[in-house]
C-alpha cells in the first residue's frame, strides 16, 4: 500500500525517523504538487497590508550591501524579513559579518522574528529548524564539497528561504566576474533565468540584477571591517560604489512594490533615507532587537565604532611599485588571503577571527604614484608568519601607465525579469 503525506507527517510528529525510501516519497509528493504548503514546512505569514520585500546576492567579495540596504528599505516603509546565510567558499557571509558585533543574535525564534518585523520593520537572521531546516544542512555541505556554484542547488537554497520568510517581492543580485561564483555572463544569465522561472512557479515576483564582480565591493574585505564600512554607508559616508549598489537594488524593490513610479524615483528615495539618517536610526533599532545592548548600538551608529568592534593586533601597509592608473584589483585573490587570515571557514564548525581582513585605500580607475599605500592588511599573526599571504596581496594589484577604456563605474550589466 502506498504511503501518503499524512502518514509520513504522523511518523515524524511521533519522533520517528523516516527511511531513505520514505524521504524520497515525501520529496516526490512535494514536487508533484500532492502536498499542501502547510505540510511541507513552516512559513512566515504577514498582514495582507504589509509590503514584504527582500534582496539576495549570489555572493562576491566585500559584499556587504544587505547590511545598509535592509534598514534603508524599512525606513521607506517596507517590511524586510531577511533570512540570510554564512560564508560560502571565498564569499563572506552576512551573518558572519553581523556576528562581529558584540551581542548580535542571528538564531531567533519565529515569535521573535514576527515581533521584530512588527516593531522595527526588518531583521537579518539565520535559517532555523522551523524555517528551511534542510537548507541549513545543505548550505554547510555545499561550502565544503565544491558545489557552491551548482545552479539548481543555488536556486533551491535562495528561493526556499525567501518563500519561507513570506516575501512578496524579491530582487536578486547575480554577481558576474572573476570574484564571483559565475565567471561568465552566460552562466550568470542562466542562473538569473532559472531563478526567475522558479520564482514565477512560486508566485513570487522577482527581478535579477546582474552586477559586475571583479574587484571588491567598497574598500573592506573581512567581517568587522565590512561592518564599519556598512555603517559608514548608513552615515552617508563611505565608498560611492557601495552607495550605488544600495540605491540601485533598493530602487528596484521600491519600483516593483509600486511604492514609486520609476526606478530613478526609487533610487532617489533610498538616497534620501541614507542622507537624512532615517536608515541609520532604523539599523540601530534593529541591532537592539537582535540582542545588541543599547549602549553598543549607540556607539556603533553615532560614536567611535572601533571602541566596540574587534580590532586586529597588527596592520601592515603595502605600497605601489609604479605610477599609473589602477587597472584591476583581483578580488578573488584578496578574498582567499582574508579567508587564510582567519575570516573564513575550511570546515563547517570552524570558528572565525572577526578582526582580520583587508582594507583598500584605492579603487580601480584611481591614479597612483610609486610608493603610495594602496592596501592595509589587518592580521593577528606576526608579519613574518604571513609573508606568503602578503605576496599574494601584492600580486592582486595591476597598475598600467596607459589605462584601458574600461568603465569601472559601470556595475549593472543586465536586468532579467
Protein backbone atom coordinates (compact mmCIF):
# COMPACT_ATOMS: atom_id res chain seq x y z
CA UNK A 1 0.00 0.00 0.00
CA UNK A 2 1.30 3.42 -0.96
CA UNK A 3 2.13 5.67 1.98
CA UNK A 4 0.58 9.15 1.86
CA UNK A 5 1.83 12.51 3.06
CA UNK A 6 -0.30 12.40 6.23
CA UNK A 7 1.16 9.06 7.31
CA UNK A 8 4.69 10.36 6.76
CA UNK A 9 3.99 13.52 8.75
CA UNK A 10 2.40 11.50 11.55
CA UNK A 11 5.51 9.34 11.78
CA UNK A 12 7.78 12.41 12.05
CA UNK A 13 5.45 14.08 14.55
CA UNK A 14 5.76 11.00 16.75
CA UNK A 15 9.53 11.43 16.82
CA UNK A 16 10.36 8.57 14.47
CA UNK A 17 12.96 8.65 11.70
CA UNK A 18 11.96 8.36 8.06
CA UNK A 19 13.69 5.73 5.94
CA UNK A 20 15.53 6.74 2.76
CA UNK A 21 12.60 5.39 0.72
CA UNK A 22 10.11 7.40 2.80
CA UNK A 23 12.15 10.59 2.41
CA UNK A 24 12.21 10.07 -1.36
CA UNK A 25 8.44 9.54 -1.27
CA UNK A 26 7.98 12.80 0.68
CA UNK A 27 10.05 14.75 -1.86
CA UNK A 28 8.16 13.17 -4.75
CA UNK A 29 4.83 14.16 -3.19
CA UNK A 30 6.02 17.73 -2.70
CA UNK A 31 7.39 18.07 -6.23
CA UNK A 32 4.28 16.54 -7.81
CA UNK A 33 2.02 19.04 -6.05
CA UNK A 34 0.32 16.37 -3.91
CA UNK A 35 1.36 18.11 -0.66
CA UNK A 36 -0.13 21.27 0.79
CA UNK A 37 2.22 24.17 1.65
CA UNK A 38 1.35 23.72 5.33
CA UNK A 39 2.55 20.12 5.12
CA UNK A 40 5.96 20.94 3.63
CA UNK A 41 7.40 23.29 6.23
CA UNK A 42 6.83 26.39 8.33
CA UNK A 43 6.39 29.70 6.57
CA UNK A 44 6.11 33.18 7.99
CA UNK A 45 2.87 34.99 7.25
CA UNK A 46 2.28 38.71 7.48
CA UNK A 47 -0.62 41.13 7.35
CA UNK A 48 -2.16 41.49 3.90
CA UNK A 49 -1.39 45.22 4.12
CA UNK A 50 2.35 44.61 4.66
CA UNK A 51 4.58 45.19 1.65
CA UNK A 52 7.13 42.42 2.20
CA UNK A 53 10.33 42.60 0.16
CA UNK A 54 13.80 41.10 0.24
CA UNK A 55 17.10 41.01 -1.59
CA UNK A 56 19.58 38.20 -2.15
CA UNK A 57 23.10 38.15 -3.55
CA UNK A 58 24.71 35.12 -5.15
CA UNK A 59 27.95 36.06 -3.39
CA UNK A 60 31.01 38.11 -4.11
CA UNK A 61 33.94 39.77 -2.37
CA UNK A 62 33.35 42.57 0.10
CA UNK A 63 29.61 42.22 -0.49
CA UNK A 64 28.04 43.92 2.50
CA UNK A 65 25.17 45.51 0.53
CA UNK A 66 22.41 43.80 2.55
CA UNK A 67 23.52 45.39 5.81
CA UNK A 68 22.76 49.01 4.84
CA UNK A 69 20.03 48.08 2.34
CA UNK A 70 17.70 46.29 4.76
CA UNK A 71 17.28 49.21 7.21
CA UNK A 72 17.11 51.65 4.29
CA UNK A 73 14.14 49.76 2.83
CA UNK A 74 12.50 49.58 6.26
CA UNK A 75 12.97 53.34 6.59
CA UNK A 76 10.98 53.64 3.34
CA UNK A 77 8.06 51.83 4.99
CA UNK A 78 8.66 48.35 3.56
CA UNK A 79 8.84 45.14 5.62
CA UNK A 80 12.13 43.26 5.15
CA UNK A 81 12.34 39.78 6.77
CA UNK A 82 15.80 38.75 5.58
CA UNK A 83 16.80 35.15 6.26
CA UNK A 84 20.48 35.18 5.36
CA UNK A 85 23.45 32.83 5.30
CA UNK A 86 27.04 32.36 6.34
CA UNK A 87 30.19 32.43 4.25
CA UNK A 88 30.44 30.07 1.30
CA UNK A 89 33.87 29.26 -0.11
CA UNK A 90 35.66 32.60 -0.69
CA UNK A 91 32.50 34.68 -0.22
CA UNK A 92 31.91 36.17 3.22
CA UNK A 93 28.50 35.66 4.83
CA UNK A 94 26.20 38.42 6.04
CA UNK A 95 25.55 36.54 9.29
CA UNK A 96 29.27 36.18 9.98
CA UNK A 97 29.73 39.91 9.48
CA UNK A 98 26.87 40.79 11.80
CA UNK A 99 28.14 38.40 14.46
CA UNK A 100 31.29 40.52 14.72
CA UNK A 101 29.01 43.00 16.53
CA UNK A 102 29.04 42.08 20.25
CA UNK A 103 25.68 40.63 21.29
CA UNK A 104 24.13 40.27 17.82
CA UNK A 105 21.96 37.13 17.75
CA UNK A 106 21.22 35.50 14.40
CA UNK A 107 19.39 32.47 15.79
CA UNK A 108 15.89 33.75 16.51
CA UNK A 109 12.59 32.01 17.18
CA UNK A 110 9.66 32.57 14.87
CA UNK A 111 7.77 34.61 17.51
CA UNK A 112 10.86 36.80 17.92
CA UNK A 113 11.13 37.31 14.15
CA UNK A 114 7.48 38.31 13.93
CA UNK A 115 7.95 40.73 16.82
CA UNK A 116 10.99 42.29 15.12
CA UNK A 117 9.11 42.85 11.90
CA UNK A 118 6.16 44.38 13.75
CA UNK A 119 8.32 46.63 15.95
CA UNK A 120 11.13 47.68 13.59
CA UNK A 121 10.08 46.60 10.12
CA UNK A 122 13.13 44.44 9.41
CA UNK A 123 15.51 41.75 10.61
CA UNK A 124 18.56 39.88 9.32
CA UNK A 125 18.58 36.40 10.83
CA UNK A 126 19.64 32.86 10.03
CA UNK A 127 17.50 29.91 9.00
CA UNK A 128 16.36 27.72 11.88
CA UNK A 129 14.81 24.32 12.49
CA UNK A 130 11.36 25.62 11.63
CA UNK A 131 12.31 27.66 8.55
CA UNK A 132 14.06 25.69 5.75
CA UNK A 133 15.76 23.18 8.07
CA UNK A 134 17.07 21.16 5.13
CA UNK A 135 18.80 24.19 3.66
CA UNK A 136 20.84 24.65 6.84
CA UNK A 137 22.41 21.24 6.27
CA UNK A 138 22.85 21.61 2.51
CA UNK A 139 24.34 25.10 2.92
CA UNK A 140 27.16 23.75 5.08
CA UNK A 141 27.70 20.76 2.80
CA UNK A 142 27.88 22.92 -0.35
CA UNK A 143 30.59 25.02 1.27
CA UNK A 144 32.93 22.05 1.73
CA UNK A 145 32.04 19.95 -1.36
CA UNK A 146 32.78 22.39 -4.22
CA UNK A 147 29.08 22.68 -5.14
CA UNK A 148 28.55 26.35 -4.22
CA UNK A 149 28.06 27.32 -7.88
CA UNK A 150 25.69 24.46 -8.79
CA UNK A 151 22.74 26.27 -10.39
CA UNK A 152 19.96 24.03 -9.09
CA UNK A 153 21.30 23.87 -5.53
CA UNK A 154 21.86 27.61 -5.58
CA UNK A 155 18.32 28.35 -6.77
CA UNK A 156 16.80 25.95 -4.23
CA UNK A 157 18.76 27.48 -1.37
CA UNK A 158 17.90 31.07 -2.29
CA UNK A 159 14.22 30.64 -3.02
CA UNK A 160 13.37 28.20 -0.21
CA UNK A 161 14.41 30.84 2.33
CA UNK A 162 12.56 33.62 0.54
CA UNK A 163 9.31 31.67 0.27
CA UNK A 164 9.58 30.55 3.91
CA UNK A 165 10.03 34.13 5.12
CA UNK A 166 6.88 35.27 3.31
CA UNK A 167 8.48 37.58 0.77
CA UNK A 168 6.25 39.06 -1.96
CA UNK A 169 8.87 40.98 -3.96
CA UNK A 170 12.46 39.81 -4.41
CA UNK A 171 15.46 41.34 -6.13
CA UNK A 172 18.40 39.00 -6.72
CA UNK A 173 21.87 40.47 -7.18
CA UNK A 174 23.51 37.95 -9.52
CA UNK A 175 27.24 38.59 -9.45
CA UNK A 176 29.25 38.22 -12.67
CA UNK A 177 33.03 38.08 -12.95
CA UNK A 178 36.26 36.66 -11.62
CA UNK A 179 35.39 37.40 -7.98
CA UNK A 180 32.01 35.66 -8.15
CA UNK A 181 30.71 32.11 -8.47
CA UNK A 182 29.60 32.87 -12.04
CA UNK A 183 32.67 33.85 -14.02
CA UNK A 184 30.95 34.40 -17.36
CA UNK A 185 27.98 36.48 -18.44
CA UNK A 186 26.42 33.36 -19.96
CA UNK A 187 26.44 31.35 -16.73
CA UNK A 188 25.17 34.31 -14.71
CA UNK A 189 22.38 34.82 -17.25
CA UNK A 190 21.43 31.13 -16.98
CA UNK A 191 21.31 31.46 -13.19
CA UNK A 192 19.18 34.60 -13.47
CA UNK A 193 16.70 32.98 -15.86
CA UNK A 194 16.42 29.86 -13.66
CA UNK A 195 15.73 31.97 -10.57
CA UNK A 196 13.04 33.98 -12.35
CA UNK A 197 11.42 30.85 -13.81
CA UNK A 198 11.25 29.10 -10.42
CA UNK A 199 10.06 32.30 -8.71
CA UNK A 200 7.12 32.56 -11.09
CA UNK A 201 6.13 29.00 -10.21
CA UNK A 202 6.15 30.01 -6.55
CA UNK A 203 4.04 33.13 -7.17
CA UNK A 204 6.97 35.27 -6.10
CA UNK A 205 7.59 38.46 -8.08
CA UNK A 206 11.33 38.54 -8.70
CA UNK A 207 13.88 40.51 -10.68
CA UNK A 208 17.53 39.52 -11.25
CA UNK A 209 20.04 42.36 -11.47
CA UNK A 210 23.33 41.15 -12.93
CA UNK A 211 26.22 43.19 -11.49
CA UNK A 212 29.95 43.24 -12.14
CA UNK A 213 32.11 41.45 -9.55
CA UNK A 214 35.85 41.59 -10.17
CA UNK A 215 37.35 44.00 -7.64
CA UNK A 216 35.87 44.02 -4.11
CA UNK A 217 32.69 45.99 -3.41
CA UNK A 218 33.77 49.02 -1.42
CA UNK A 219 37.16 49.05 0.26
CA UNK A 220 36.77 46.44 3.02
CA UNK A 221 37.01 42.64 2.94
CA UNK A 222 36.58 40.92 6.31
CA UNK A 223 33.86 40.73 8.91
CA UNK A 224 34.35 43.66 11.32
CA UNK A 225 35.92 45.80 8.60
CA UNK A 226 32.81 45.34 6.46
CA UNK A 227 30.56 46.26 9.38
CA UNK A 228 32.49 49.52 9.71
CA UNK A 229 32.01 50.24 6.01
CA UNK A 230 28.30 49.33 6.16
CA UNK A 231 27.73 51.78 8.99
CA UNK A 232 29.70 54.45 7.13
CA UNK A 233 27.27 53.94 4.25
CA UNK A 234 24.35 54.37 6.65
CA UNK A 235 26.02 57.58 7.87
CA UNK A 236 26.00 58.70 4.23
CA UNK A 237 29.76 58.25 4.01
CA UNK A 238 31.97 55.52 2.58
CA UNK A 239 32.76 54.41 -0.98
CA UNK A 240 30.42 55.62 -3.75
CA UNK A 241 30.19 52.23 -5.49
CA UNK A 242 28.64 50.70 -2.33
CA UNK A 243 26.12 53.55 -2.23
CA UNK A 244 25.39 52.96 -5.91
CA UNK A 245 24.50 49.29 -5.39
CA UNK A 246 22.35 50.04 -2.33
CA UNK A 247 20.44 52.71 -4.26
CA UNK A 248 20.12 50.53 -7.37
CA UNK A 249 18.81 47.38 -5.67
CA UNK A 250 16.63 49.34 -3.28
CA UNK A 251 15.24 51.35 -6.18
CA UNK A 252 14.21 48.16 -7.99
CA UNK A 253 12.32 46.87 -4.93
CA UNK A 254 10.53 50.18 -4.42
CA UNK A 255 9.51 50.19 -8.08
CA UNK A 256 8.45 46.52 -8.08
CA UNK A 257 6.29 47.02 -4.98
CA UNK A 258 4.71 50.10 -6.61
CA UNK A 259 5.88 52.50 -3.91
CA UNK A 260 7.37 54.72 -6.59
CA UNK A 261 6.55 55.27 -10.25
CA UNK A 262 10.06 54.73 -11.64
CA UNK A 263 13.41 53.18 -10.86
CA UNK A 264 15.03 56.61 -10.64
CA UNK A 265 12.43 57.74 -8.11
CA UNK A 266 13.24 54.63 -6.09
CA UNK A 267 16.96 55.39 -6.16
CA UNK A 268 16.22 58.94 -5.01
CA UNK A 269 14.14 57.73 -2.06
CA UNK A 270 16.91 55.36 -0.91
CA UNK A 271 19.38 58.22 -1.24
CA UNK A 272 17.12 60.36 0.95
CA UNK A 273 16.83 57.88 3.83
CA UNK A 274 20.61 57.44 3.84
CA UNK A 275 21.32 61.16 3.77
CA UNK A 276 18.68 62.04 6.39
CA UNK A 277 19.81 59.44 8.94
CA UNK A 278 16.49 57.58 8.83
CA UNK A 279 18.17 54.37 7.64
CA UNK A 280 20.88 54.64 10.32
CA UNK A 281 18.26 55.05 13.06
CA UNK A 282 16.38 52.02 11.73
CA UNK A 283 19.62 49.99 11.79
CA UNK A 284 20.18 51.00 15.42
CA UNK A 285 16.67 49.81 16.32
CA UNK A 286 17.29 46.52 14.51
CA UNK A 287 20.54 45.93 16.41
CA UNK A 288 18.78 46.25 19.76
CA UNK A 289 16.02 43.87 18.64
CA UNK A 290 18.73 41.34 17.76
CA UNK A 291 20.21 41.42 21.26
CA UNK A 292 22.82 44.19 20.99
CA UNK A 293 22.88 46.41 24.07
CA UNK A 294 21.54 49.93 23.57
CA UNK A 295 24.94 51.38 24.54
CA UNK A 296 26.82 49.33 21.94
CA UNK A 297 24.21 50.12 19.28
CA UNK A 298 24.51 53.83 20.06
CA UNK A 299 28.32 53.71 19.89
CA UNK A 300 28.28 51.84 16.58
CA UNK A 301 25.80 54.17 14.93
CA UNK A 302 26.78 57.53 16.40
CA UNK A 303 30.14 57.10 18.15
CA UNK A 304 33.56 55.52 17.69
CA UNK A 305 32.85 52.12 16.12
CA UNK A 306 36.25 50.66 16.98
CA UNK A 307 35.53 51.07 20.67
CA UNK A 308 33.25 48.03 20.33
CA UNK A 309 34.24 46.18 17.13
CA UNK A 310 37.05 43.59 17.32
CA UNK A 311 40.31 45.07 16.08
CA UNK A 312 43.27 43.08 14.68
CA UNK A 313 46.55 43.20 16.59
CA UNK A 314 48.61 44.18 13.54
CA UNK A 315 48.11 46.33 10.44
CA UNK A 316 50.61 46.03 7.59
CA UNK A 317 50.52 48.61 4.79
CA UNK A 318 51.59 47.72 1.25
CA UNK A 319 52.80 50.29 -1.30
CA UNK A 320 52.51 50.69 -5.05
CA UNK A 321 55.61 49.80 -7.07
CA UNK A 322 54.95 52.01 -10.11
CA UNK A 323 52.97 55.08 -11.13
CA UNK A 324 49.88 54.85 -13.31
CA UNK A 325 46.19 54.02 -13.22
CA UNK A 326 44.87 51.02 -11.28
CA UNK A 327 43.60 48.63 -13.94
CA UNK A 328 42.50 45.80 -11.66
CA UNK A 329 42.37 44.70 -8.04
CA UNK A 330 41.92 40.94 -8.03
CA UNK A 331 39.03 40.39 -5.65
CA UNK A 332 39.30 36.61 -5.56
CA UNK A 333 42.97 36.82 -4.53
CA UNK A 334 42.13 39.22 -1.70
CA UNK A 335 39.22 37.03 -0.60
CA UNK A 336 41.47 33.97 -0.40
CA UNK A 337 44.01 35.90 1.67
CA UNK A 338 41.28 37.14 4.00
CA UNK A 339 39.99 33.58 4.33
CA UNK A 340 43.50 32.32 5.16
CA UNK A 341 43.98 35.05 7.76
CA UNK A 342 41.07 33.52 9.67
CA UNK A 343 37.95 35.30 8.36
CA UNK A 344 36.57 32.21 6.56
CA UNK A 345 35.98 28.51 7.16
CA UNK A 346 37.55 25.38 5.72
CA UNK A 347 35.17 23.14 7.71
CA UNK A 348 31.61 23.86 8.82
CA UNK A 349 32.17 24.32 12.57
CA UNK A 350 35.40 26.32 12.31
CA UNK A 351 35.45 29.48 14.49
CA UNK A 352 36.20 32.80 12.80
CA UNK A 353 38.54 35.66 13.59
CA UNK A 354 36.22 38.63 13.10
CA UNK A 355 39.01 41.20 13.31
CA UNK A 356 41.14 40.23 10.31
CA UNK A 357 40.82 41.32 6.72
CA UNK A 358 41.91 43.74 4.03
CA UNK A 359 41.15 47.43 3.66
CA UNK A 360 41.84 49.16 0.36
CA UNK A 361 42.74 52.83 0.17
CA UNK A 362 42.46 52.97 -3.64
CA UNK A 363 39.96 51.79 -6.23
CA UNK A 364 40.09 50.71 -9.86
CA UNK A 365 40.49 53.76 -12.08
CA UNK A 366 42.47 55.74 -9.48
CA UNK A 367 45.82 57.29 -10.42
CA UNK A 368 48.70 56.36 -8.09
CA UNK A 369 52.35 57.27 -7.78
CA UNK A 370 55.08 54.85 -6.77
CA UNK A 371 55.30 54.37 -3.00
CA UNK A 372 51.66 55.14 -2.18
CA UNK A 373 49.81 52.97 0.35
CA UNK A 374 47.10 51.13 -1.57
CA UNK A 375 46.03 48.49 0.95
CA UNK A 376 46.12 47.65 4.65
CA UNK A 377 46.30 44.02 5.79
CA UNK A 378 44.75 43.51 9.24
CA UNK A 379 46.11 40.37 10.89
CA UNK A 380 46.61 38.63 14.24
CA UNK A 381 49.64 36.55 13.31
CA UNK A 382 53.05 38.19 13.07
CA UNK A 383 54.16 39.78 9.81
CA UNK A 384 56.80 37.06 9.40
CA UNK A 385 54.14 34.34 9.62
CA UNK A 386 52.04 35.81 6.80
CA UNK A 387 54.78 36.73 4.31
CA UNK A 388 53.38 34.47 1.59
CA UNK A 389 49.91 35.97 2.06
CA UNK A 390 51.35 39.47 1.79
CA UNK A 391 52.94 38.46 -1.52
CA UNK A 392 49.53 37.28 -2.75
CA UNK A 393 48.10 40.69 -1.88
CA UNK A 394 50.94 42.43 -3.77
CA UNK A 395 50.16 40.36 -6.87
CA UNK A 396 46.47 41.30 -6.73
CA UNK A 397 47.19 44.86 -7.93
CA UNK A 398 47.56 45.76 -11.61
CA UNK A 399 48.77 49.28 -12.48
CA UNK A 400 49.11 50.46 -16.08
CA UNK A 401 50.87 53.53 -17.40
CA UNK A 402 48.43 53.61 -20.32
CA UNK A 403 44.95 52.99 -18.86
CA UNK A 404 42.39 50.96 -20.80
CA UNK A 405 38.93 52.22 -21.70
CA UNK A 406 37.20 50.02 -19.08
CA UNK A 407 34.29 51.81 -17.41
CA UNK A 408 34.98 50.94 -13.77
CA UNK A 409 31.91 52.87 -12.60
CA UNK A 410 29.51 50.65 -14.56
CA UNK A 411 28.31 47.98 -12.15
CA UNK A 412 24.91 46.91 -13.53
CA UNK A 413 25.26 44.71 -16.63
CA UNK A 414 21.72 43.45 -17.29
CA UNK A 415 18.32 43.08 -15.63
CA UNK A 416 16.29 39.87 -16.06
CA UNK A 417 12.61 39.73 -15.12
